[in-house]
PDB file of N, CA and C in Angstrom:
ATOM      1  N   UNK A   1       0.793  -1.183   0.046  1.00  0.00           N
ATOM      2  CA  UNK A   1      -0.072   0.099  -0.024  1.00  0.00           C
ATOM      3  C   UNK A   1       0.874   1.243   0.046  1.00  0.00           C
ATOM      4  N   UNK A   2       0.562   2.237  -0.811  1.00  0.00           N
ATOM      5  CA  UNK A   2       1.364   3.154  -0.947  1.00  0.00           C
ATOM      6  C   UNK A   2       1.026   4.319   0.203  1.00  0.00           C
ATOM      7  N   UNK A   3       1.772   5.348   0.461  1.00  0.00           N
ATOM      8  CA  UNK A   3       1.610   6.356   1.586  1.00  0.00           C
ATOM      9  C   UNK A   3       0.364   7.013   1.185  1.00  0.00           C
ATOM     10  N   UNK A   4      -0.007   7.305  -0.028  1.00  0.00           N
ATOM     11  CA  UNK A   4      -1.140   8.027  -0.336  1.00  0.00           C
ATOM     12  C   UNK A   4      -2.433   7.253   0.005  1.00  0.00           C
ATOM     13  N   UNK A   5      -2.298   5.982  -0.441  1.00  0.00           N
ATOM     14  CA  UNK A   5      -3.509   5.121  -0.216  1.00  0.00           C
ATOM     15  C   UNK A   5      -3.640   4.859   1.347  1.00  0.00           C
ATOM     16  N   UNK A   6      -2.491   4.743   2.036  1.00  0.00           N
ATOM     17  CA  UNK A   6      -2.658   4.522   3.507  1.00  0.00           C
ATOM     18  C   UNK A   6      -3.350   5.677   4.189  1.00  0.00           C
ATOM     19  N   UNK A   7      -3.058   6.910   3.776  1.00  0.00           N
ATOM     20  CA  UNK A   7      -3.472   8.220   4.040  1.00  0.00           C
ATOM     21  C   UNK A   7      -5.041   8.436   3.801  1.00  0.00           C
ATOM     22  N   UNK A   8      -5.296   8.058   2.591  1.00  0.00           N
ATOM     23  CA  UNK A   8      -6.762   8.037   2.291  1.00  0.00           C
ATOM     24  C   UNK A   8      -7.641   6.945   3.105  1.00  0.00           C
ATOM     25  N   UNK A   9      -7.062   5.809   3.279  1.00  0.00           N
ATOM     26  CA  UNK A   9      -7.745   4.712   4.006  1.00  0.00           C
ATOM     27  C   UNK A   9      -7.936   5.156   5.706  1.00  0.00           C
ATOM     28  N   UNK A  10      -6.930   5.927   6.128  1.00  0.00           N
ATOM     29  CA  UNK A  10      -6.951   6.440   7.458  1.00  0.00           C
ATOM     30  C   UNK A  10      -8.065   7.503   7.519  1.00  0.00           C
ATOM     31  N   UNK A  11      -8.105   8.381   6.393  1.00  0.00           N
ATOM     32  CA  UNK A  11      -9.173   9.520   6.491  1.00  0.00           C
ATOM     33  C   UNK A  11     -10.557   8.975   6.346  1.00  0.00           C
ATOM     34  N   UNK A  12     -10.719   7.845   5.521  1.00  0.00           N
ATOM     35  CA  UNK A  12     -11.919   7.248   5.473  1.00  0.00           C
ATOM     36  C   UNK A  12     -12.408   6.462   6.787  1.00  0.00           C
ATOM     37  N   UNK A  13     -11.523   5.771   7.361  1.00  0.00           N
ATOM     38  CA  UNK A  13     -11.628   5.107   8.569  1.00  0.00           C
ATOM     39  C   UNK A  13     -12.096   6.256   9.743  1.00  0.00           C
ATOM     40  N   UNK A  14     -11.471   7.418   9.676  1.00  0.00           N
ATOM     41  CA  UNK A  14     -11.746   8.490  10.721  1.00  0.00           C
ATOM     42  C   UNK A  14     -13.165   8.986  10.382  1.00  0.00           C
ATOM     43  N   UNK A  15     -13.524   9.090   9.201  1.00  0.00           N
ATOM     44  CA  UNK A  15     -14.705   9.656   8.962  1.00  0.00           C
ATOM     45  C   UNK A  15     -15.974   8.656   9.219  1.00  0.00           C
ATOM     46  N   UNK A  16     -15.613   7.399   8.827  1.00  0.00           N
ATOM     47  CA  UNK A  16     -16.434   6.333   9.263  1.00  0.00           C
ATOM     48  C   UNK A  16     -16.702   6.178  10.714  1.00  0.00           C
ATOM     49  N   UNK A  17     -15.771   6.376  11.449  1.00  0.00           N
ATOM     50  CA  UNK A  17     -16.061   6.361  13.015  1.00  0.00           C
ATOM     51  C   UNK A  17     -16.672   7.501  13.532  1.00  0.00           C
ATOM     52  N   UNK A  18     -16.567   8.760  12.979  1.00  0.00           N
ATOM     53  CA  UNK A  18     -17.270   9.916  13.320  1.00  0.00           C
ATOM     54  C   UNK A  18     -18.768   9.664  12.904  1.00  0.00           C
ATOM     55  N   UNK A  19     -18.932   9.065  11.799  1.00  0.00           N
ATOM     56  CA  UNK A  19     -20.458   8.797  11.577  1.00  0.00           C
ATOM     57  C   UNK A  19     -21.337   7.809  12.599  1.00  0.00           C
ATOM     58  N   UNK A  20     -20.152   6.898  12.947  1.00  0.00           N
ATOM     59  CA  UNK A  20     -20.940   5.781  13.989  1.00  0.00           C
ATOM     60  C   UNK A  20     -21.012   6.491  15.244  1.00  0.00           C
ATOM     61  N   UNK A  21     -20.180   7.480  15.596  1.00  0.00           N
ATOM     62  CA  UNK A  21     -20.401   8.354  16.908  1.00  0.00           C
ATOM     63  C   UNK A  21     -21.560   8.986  16.702  1.00  0.00           C
ATOM     64  N   UNK A  22     -21.785   9.742  15.517  1.00  0.00           N
ATOM     65  CA  UNK A  22     -23.022  10.576  15.332  1.00  0.00           C
ATOM     66  C   UNK A  22     -24.293   9.728  15.655  1.00  0.00           C
ATOM     67  N   UNK A  23     -24.377   8.404  15.021  1.00  0.00           N
ATOM     68  CA  UNK A  23     -25.415   7.529  15.066  1.00  0.00           C
ATOM     69  C   UNK A  23     -25.543   7.168  16.499  1.00  0.00           C
ATOM     70  N   UNK A  24     -24.670   6.801  17.245  1.00  0.00           N
ATOM     71  CA  UNK A  24     -24.770   6.419  18.832  1.00  0.00           C
ATOM     72  C   UNK A  24     -25.418   7.696  19.436  1.00  0.00           C
ATOM     73  N   UNK A  25     -24.921   8.817  19.239  1.00  0.00           N
ATOM     74  CA  UNK A  25     -25.485   9.957  19.939  1.00  0.00           C
ATOM     75  C   UNK A  25     -26.958  10.242  19.533  1.00  0.00           C
ATOM     76  N   UNK A  26     -27.215   9.905  18.288  1.00  0.00           N
ATOM     77  CA  UNK A  26     -28.820  10.021  18.055  1.00  0.00           C
ATOM     78  C   UNK A  26     -29.534   8.832  18.764  1.00  0.00           C
ATOM     79  N   UNK A  27     -29.005   7.617  18.979  1.00  0.00           N
ATOM     80  CA  UNK A  27     -29.465   6.555  19.599  1.00  0.00           C
ATOM     81  C   UNK A  27     -29.780   6.973  21.154  1.00  0.00           C
ATOM     82  N   UNK A  28     -28.623   7.560  21.599  1.00  0.00           N
ATOM     83  CA  UNK A  28     -28.730   7.888  23.122  1.00  0.00           C
ATOM     84  C   UNK A  28     -29.792   8.937  23.129  1.00  0.00           C
ATOM     85  N   UNK A  29     -29.857   9.810  22.303  1.00  0.00           N
ATOM     86  CA  UNK A  29     -30.853  11.096  22.518  1.00  0.00           C
ATOM     87  C   UNK A  29     -32.262  10.516  22.280  1.00  0.00           C
ATOM     88  N   UNK A  30     -32.489   9.629  21.530  1.00  0.00           N
ATOM     89  CA  UNK A  30     -33.880   9.012  21.156  1.00  0.00           C
ATOM     90  C   UNK A  30     -34.189   8.247  22.421  1.00  0.00           C
ATOM     91  N   UNK A  31     -33.196   7.506  22.873  1.00  0.00           N
ATOM     92  CA  UNK A  31     -33.531   6.668  24.294  1.00  0.00           C
ATOM     93  C   UNK A  31     -33.875   7.450  25.496  1.00  0.00           C
ATOM     94  N   UNK A  32     -33.131   8.604  25.746  1.00  0.00           N
ATOM     95  CA  UNK A  32     -33.154   9.317  26.860  1.00  0.00           C
ATOM     96  C   UNK A  32     -33.963  10.533  26.799  1.00  0.00           C
ATOM     97  N   UNK A  33     -34.665  10.898  25.843  1.00  0.00           N
ATOM     98  CA  UNK A  33     -35.447  12.074  25.605  1.00  0.00           C
ATOM     99  C   UNK A  33     -36.962  11.628  25.543  1.00  0.00           C
ATOM    100  N   UNK A  34     -37.274  10.323  25.474  1.00  0.00           N
ATOM    101  CA  UNK A  34     -38.593   9.958  25.592  1.00  0.00           C
ATOM    102  C   UNK A  34     -39.243  10.181  27.031  1.00  0.00           C
ATOM    103  N   UNK A  35     -40.564   9.997  27.172  1.00  0.00           N
ATOM    104  CA  UNK A  35     -41.153  10.437  28.371  1.00  0.00           C
ATOM    105  C   UNK A  35     -40.497   9.304  29.479  1.00  0.00           C
ATOM    106  N   UNK A  36     -40.451   8.089  29.102  1.00  0.00           N
ATOM    107  CA  UNK A  36     -39.716   7.076  29.963  1.00  0.00           C
ATOM    108  C   UNK A  36     -38.196   7.204  30.135  1.00  0.00           C
ATOM    109  N   UNK A  37     -37.699   7.577  29.058  1.00  0.00           N
ATOM    110  CA  UNK A  37     -36.208   7.862  29.187  1.00  0.00           C
ATOM    111  C   UNK A  37     -35.983   8.951  29.948  1.00  0.00           C
ATOM    112  N   UNK A  38     -36.591   9.984  30.117  1.00  0.00           N
ATOM    113  CA  UNK A  38     -36.366  11.002  30.936  1.00  0.00           C
ATOM    114  C   UNK A  38     -36.389  10.628  32.457  1.00  0.00           C
ATOM    115  N   UNK A  39     -37.431   9.929  32.723  1.00  0.00           N
ATOM    116  CA  UNK A  39     -37.372   9.442  34.204  1.00  0.00           C
ATOM    117  C   UNK A  39     -36.216   8.426  34.440  1.00  0.00           C
ATOM    118  N   UNK A  40     -35.813   7.571  33.568  1.00  0.00           N
ATOM    119  CA  UNK A  40     -34.610   6.641  33.732  1.00  0.00           C
ATOM    120  C   UNK A  40     -33.405   7.678  33.862  1.00  0.00           C
ATOM    121  N   UNK A  41     -33.229   8.600  33.006  1.00  0.00           N
ATOM    122  CA  UNK A  41     -32.086   9.554  33.012  1.00  0.00           C
ATOM    123  C   UNK A  41     -32.034  10.151  34.359  1.00  0.00           C
ATOM    124  N   UNK A  42     -33.115  10.700  34.884  1.00  0.00           N
ATOM    125  CA  UNK A  42     -33.176  11.469  36.188  1.00  0.00           C
ATOM    126  C   UNK A  42     -32.965  10.330  37.401  1.00  0.00           C
ATOM    127  N   UNK A  43     -33.276   9.113  37.325  1.00  0.00           N
ATOM    128  CA  UNK A  43     -33.133   8.071  38.366  1.00  0.00           C
ATOM    129  C   UNK A  43     -31.363   7.817  38.248  1.00  0.00           C
ATOM    130  N   UNK A  44     -30.947   7.778  37.011  1.00  0.00           N
ATOM    131  CA  UNK A  44     -29.603   7.439  36.896  1.00  0.00           C
ATOM    132  C   UNK A  44     -28.786   8.581  37.516  1.00  0.00           C
ATOM    133  N   UNK A  45     -29.245   9.948  37.338  1.00  0.00           N
ATOM    134  CA  UNK A  45     -28.622  11.108  37.783  1.00  0.00           C
ATOM    135  C   UNK A  45     -28.397  11.035  39.341  1.00  0.00           C
ATOM    136  N   UNK A  46     -29.686  10.607  39.859  1.00  0.00           N
ATOM    137  CA  UNK A  46     -29.580  10.348  41.369  1.00  0.00           C
ATOM    138  C   UNK A  46     -28.697   9.204  41.827  1.00  0.00           C
ATOM    139  N   UNK A  47     -28.849   8.106  41.339  1.00  0.00           N
ATOM    140  CA  UNK A  47     -27.952   7.091  41.619  1.00  0.00           C
ATOM    141  C   UNK A  47     -26.671   6.981  41.550  1.00  0.00           C
ATOM    142  N   UNK A  48     -26.253   7.761  40.493  1.00  0.00           N
ATOM    143  CA  UNK A  48     -24.815   7.932  40.042  1.00  0.00           C
ATOM    144  C   UNK A  48     -24.114   9.128  40.533  1.00  0.00           C
ATOM    145  N   UNK A  49     -24.808   9.910  41.489  1.00  0.00           N
ATOM    146  CA  UNK A  49     -24.287  10.975  42.118  1.00  0.00           C
ATOM    147  C   UNK A  49     -23.757  12.076  41.113  1.00  0.00           C
ATOM    148  N   UNK A  50     -24.562  12.351  40.173  1.00  0.00           N
ATOM    149  CA  UNK A  50     -24.302  13.274  38.975  1.00  0.00           C
ATOM    150  C   UNK A  50     -23.807  14.691  39.494  1.00  0.00           C
ATOM    151  N   UNK A  51     -24.633  15.017  40.630  1.00  0.00           N
ATOM    152  CA  UNK A  51     -24.344  16.467  41.294  1.00  0.00           C
ATOM    153  C   UNK A  51     -23.885  16.443  42.680  1.00  0.00           C
ATOM    154  N   UNK A  52     -23.287  15.483  43.090  1.00  0.00           N
ATOM    155  CA  UNK A  52     -22.726  15.308  44.473  1.00  0.00           C
ATOM    156  C   UNK A  52     -21.442  14.627  44.495  1.00  0.00           C
ATOM    157  N   UNK A  53     -20.728  14.710  45.545  1.00  0.00           N
ATOM    158  CA  UNK A  53     -19.465  14.250  45.689  1.00  0.00           C
ATOM    159  C   UNK A  53     -19.619  12.680  45.657  1.00  0.00           C
ATOM    160  N   UNK A  54     -18.516  12.008  45.052  1.00  0.00           N
ATOM    161  CA  UNK A  54     -18.416  10.538  45.101  1.00  0.00           C
ATOM    162  C   UNK A  54     -17.495   9.928  46.206  1.00  0.00           C
ATOM    163  N   UNK A  55     -16.955  10.881  47.023  1.00  0.00           N
ATOM    164  CA  UNK A  55     -15.984  10.640  48.029  1.00  0.00           C
ATOM    165  C   UNK A  55     -16.557   9.939  49.205  1.00  0.00           C
ATOM    166  N   UNK A  56     -16.061   8.687  49.562  1.00  0.00           N
ATOM    167  CA  UNK A  56     -16.393   7.932  50.769  1.00  0.00           C
ATOM    168  C   UNK A  56     -15.222   7.935  51.714  1.00  0.00           C
ATOM    169  N   UNK A  57     -15.568   8.642  52.852  1.00  0.00           N
ATOM    170  CA  UNK A  57     -14.496   8.863  53.818  1.00  0.00           C
ATOM    171  C   UNK A  57     -13.882   7.455  54.368  1.00  0.00           C
ATOM    172  N   UNK A  58     -12.500   7.442  54.367  1.00  0.00           N
ATOM    173  CA  UNK A  58     -11.814   6.296  54.591  1.00  0.00           C
ATOM    174  C   UNK A  58     -11.852   5.118  53.880  1.00  0.00           C
ATOM    175  N   UNK A  59     -12.554   5.131  52.544  1.00  0.00           N
ATOM    176  CA  UNK A  59     -12.567   3.844  51.784  1.00  0.00           C
ATOM    177  C   UNK A  59     -12.282   4.476  50.258  1.00  0.00           C
ATOM    178  N   UNK A  60     -11.174   4.175  49.963  1.00  0.00           N
ATOM    179  CA  UNK A  60     -10.743   4.659  48.610  1.00  0.00           C
ATOM    180  C   UNK A  60     -11.471   3.652  47.461  1.00  0.00           C
ATOM    181  N   UNK A  61     -11.512   2.467  47.796  1.00  0.00           N
ATOM    182  CA  UNK A  61     -12.175   1.635  46.812  1.00  0.00           C
ATOM    183  C   UNK A  61     -13.553   1.873  46.460  1.00  0.00           C
ATOM    184  N   UNK A  62     -14.322   2.265  47.665  1.00  0.00           N
ATOM    185  CA  UNK A  62     -15.768   2.664  47.555  1.00  0.00           C
ATOM    186  C   UNK A  62     -15.784   3.997  46.771  1.00  0.00           C
ATOM    187  N   UNK A  63     -14.850   4.963  47.151  1.00  0.00           N
ATOM    188  CA  UNK A  63     -14.941   6.258  46.399  1.00  0.00           C
ATOM    189  C   UNK A  63     -14.742   5.980  44.711  1.00  0.00           C
ATOM    190  N   UNK A  64     -13.662   4.845  44.512  1.00  0.00           N
ATOM    191  CA  UNK A  64     -13.616   4.721  43.150  1.00  0.00           C
ATOM    192  C   UNK A  64     -14.788   4.126  42.381  1.00  0.00           C
ATOM    193  N   UNK A  65     -15.378   3.299  43.155  1.00  0.00           N
ATOM    194  CA  UNK A  65     -16.513   2.560  42.667  1.00  0.00           C
ATOM    195  C   UNK A  65     -17.668   3.665  42.297  1.00  0.00           C
ATOM    196  N   UNK A  66     -17.911   4.452  43.401  1.00  0.00           N
ATOM    197  CA  UNK A  66     -18.837   5.532  43.056  1.00  0.00           C
ATOM    198  C   UNK A  66     -18.608   6.429  42.082  1.00  0.00           C
ATOM    199  N   UNK A  67     -17.273   6.723  41.937  1.00  0.00           N
ATOM    200  CA  UNK A  67     -16.817   7.621  40.862  1.00  0.00           C
ATOM    201  C   UNK A  67     -17.024   7.013  39.453  1.00  0.00           C
ATOM    202  N   UNK A  68     -16.876   5.563  39.457  1.00  0.00           N
ATOM    203  CA  UNK A  68     -17.157   4.850  38.207  1.00  0.00           C
ATOM    204  C   UNK A  68     -18.534   4.981  37.677  1.00  0.00           C
ATOM    205  N   UNK A  69     -19.444   5.076  38.551  1.00  0.00           N
ATOM    206  CA  UNK A  69     -20.767   5.148  38.435  1.00  0.00           C
ATOM    207  C   UNK A  69     -21.046   6.427  37.898  1.00  0.00           C
ATOM    208  N   UNK A  70     -20.508   7.460  38.525  1.00  0.00           N
ATOM    209  CA  UNK A  70     -20.617   8.821  37.952  1.00  0.00           C
ATOM    210  C   UNK A  70     -20.159   8.943  36.597  1.00  0.00           C
ATOM    211  N   UNK A  71     -19.057   8.346  36.263  1.00  0.00           N
ATOM    212  CA  UNK A  71     -18.366   8.549  34.974  1.00  0.00           C
ATOM    213  C   UNK A  71     -19.301   8.041  33.910  1.00  0.00           C
ATOM    214  N   UNK A  72     -19.890   6.869  34.161  1.00  0.00           N
ATOM    215  CA  UNK A  72     -20.890   6.317  33.121  1.00  0.00           C
ATOM    216  C   UNK A  72     -21.970   7.307  32.933  1.00  0.00           C
ATOM    217  N   UNK A  73     -22.590   7.825  33.920  1.00  0.00           N
ATOM    218  CA  UNK A  73     -23.827   8.791  33.757  1.00  0.00           C
ATOM    219  C   UNK A  73     -23.397  10.136  32.947  1.00  0.00           C
ATOM    220  N   UNK A  74     -21.953  10.589  33.257  1.00  0.00           N
ATOM    221  CA  UNK A  74     -21.551  11.594  32.510  1.00  0.00           C
ATOM    222  C   UNK A  74     -21.361  11.410  31.034  1.00  0.00           C
ATOM    223  N   UNK A  75     -20.987  10.066  30.838  1.00  0.00           N
ATOM    224  CA  UNK A  75     -20.766   9.646  29.431  1.00  0.00           C
ATOM    225  C   UNK A  75     -22.143   9.738  28.764  1.00  0.00           C
ATOM    226  N   UNK A  76     -23.160   9.265  29.396  1.00  0.00           N
ATOM    227  CA  UNK A  76     -24.412   9.274  28.859  1.00  0.00           C
ATOM    228  C   UNK A  76     -24.944  10.771  28.534  1.00  0.00           C
ATOM    229  N   UNK A  77     -24.783  11.575  29.588  1.00  0.00           N
ATOM    230  CA  UNK A  77     -25.140  13.050  29.505  1.00  0.00           C
ATOM    231  C   UNK A  77     -24.440  13.618  28.441  1.00  0.00           C
ATOM    232  N   UNK A  78     -23.101  13.402  28.112  1.00  0.00           N
ATOM    233  CA  UNK A  78     -22.188  14.066  27.107  1.00  0.00           C
ATOM    234  C   UNK A  78     -22.660  13.476  25.737  1.00  0.00           C
ATOM    235  N   UNK A  79     -23.254  12.274  25.664  1.00  0.00           N
ATOM    236  CA  UNK A  79     -23.627  11.757  24.401  1.00  0.00           C
ATOM    237  C   UNK A  79     -24.884  12.440  23.804  1.00  0.00           C
ATOM    238  N   UNK A  80     -25.788  12.687  24.917  1.00  0.00           N
ATOM    239  CA  UNK A  80     -27.124  13.337  24.663  1.00  0.00           C
ATOM    240  C   UNK A  80     -26.964  14.992  24.290  1.00  0.00           C
ATOM    241  N   UNK A  81     -25.918  15.597  25.061  1.00  0.00           N
ATOM    242  CA  UNK A  81     -25.730  17.073  24.793  1.00  0.00           C
ATOM    243  C   UNK A  81     -24.508  17.014  23.685  1.00  0.00           C
ATOM    244  N   UNK A  82     -24.962  17.323  22.490  1.00  0.00           N
ATOM    245  CA  UNK A  82     -24.011  17.355  21.333  1.00  0.00           C
ATOM    246  C   UNK A  82     -23.098  18.372  21.386  1.00  0.00           C
ATOM    247  N   UNK A  83     -22.713  19.046  22.351  1.00  0.00           N
ATOM    248  CA  UNK A  83     -21.741  20.193  22.510  1.00  0.00           C
ATOM    249  C   UNK A  83     -20.267  19.794  22.491  1.00  0.00           C
TER     250      UNK A  83
END
């Protein structure tokens, strides 16, 4: 494969990945903006400490676990908010 072909292949792959991400964003948006989806989203926000600290005094493992839950929620939120 020539260098030009490799560059074109990488550009195509990057473009295809961007399209896949946009499709996923649309799926997240459809899922979490329906009436039931909003209820689930709000429940996840509460359960995953979206707006509160995840620190557990004296327990680094528990803090890490809670922060992991929060990270998943923030990923969902970021997928919905196309900013």
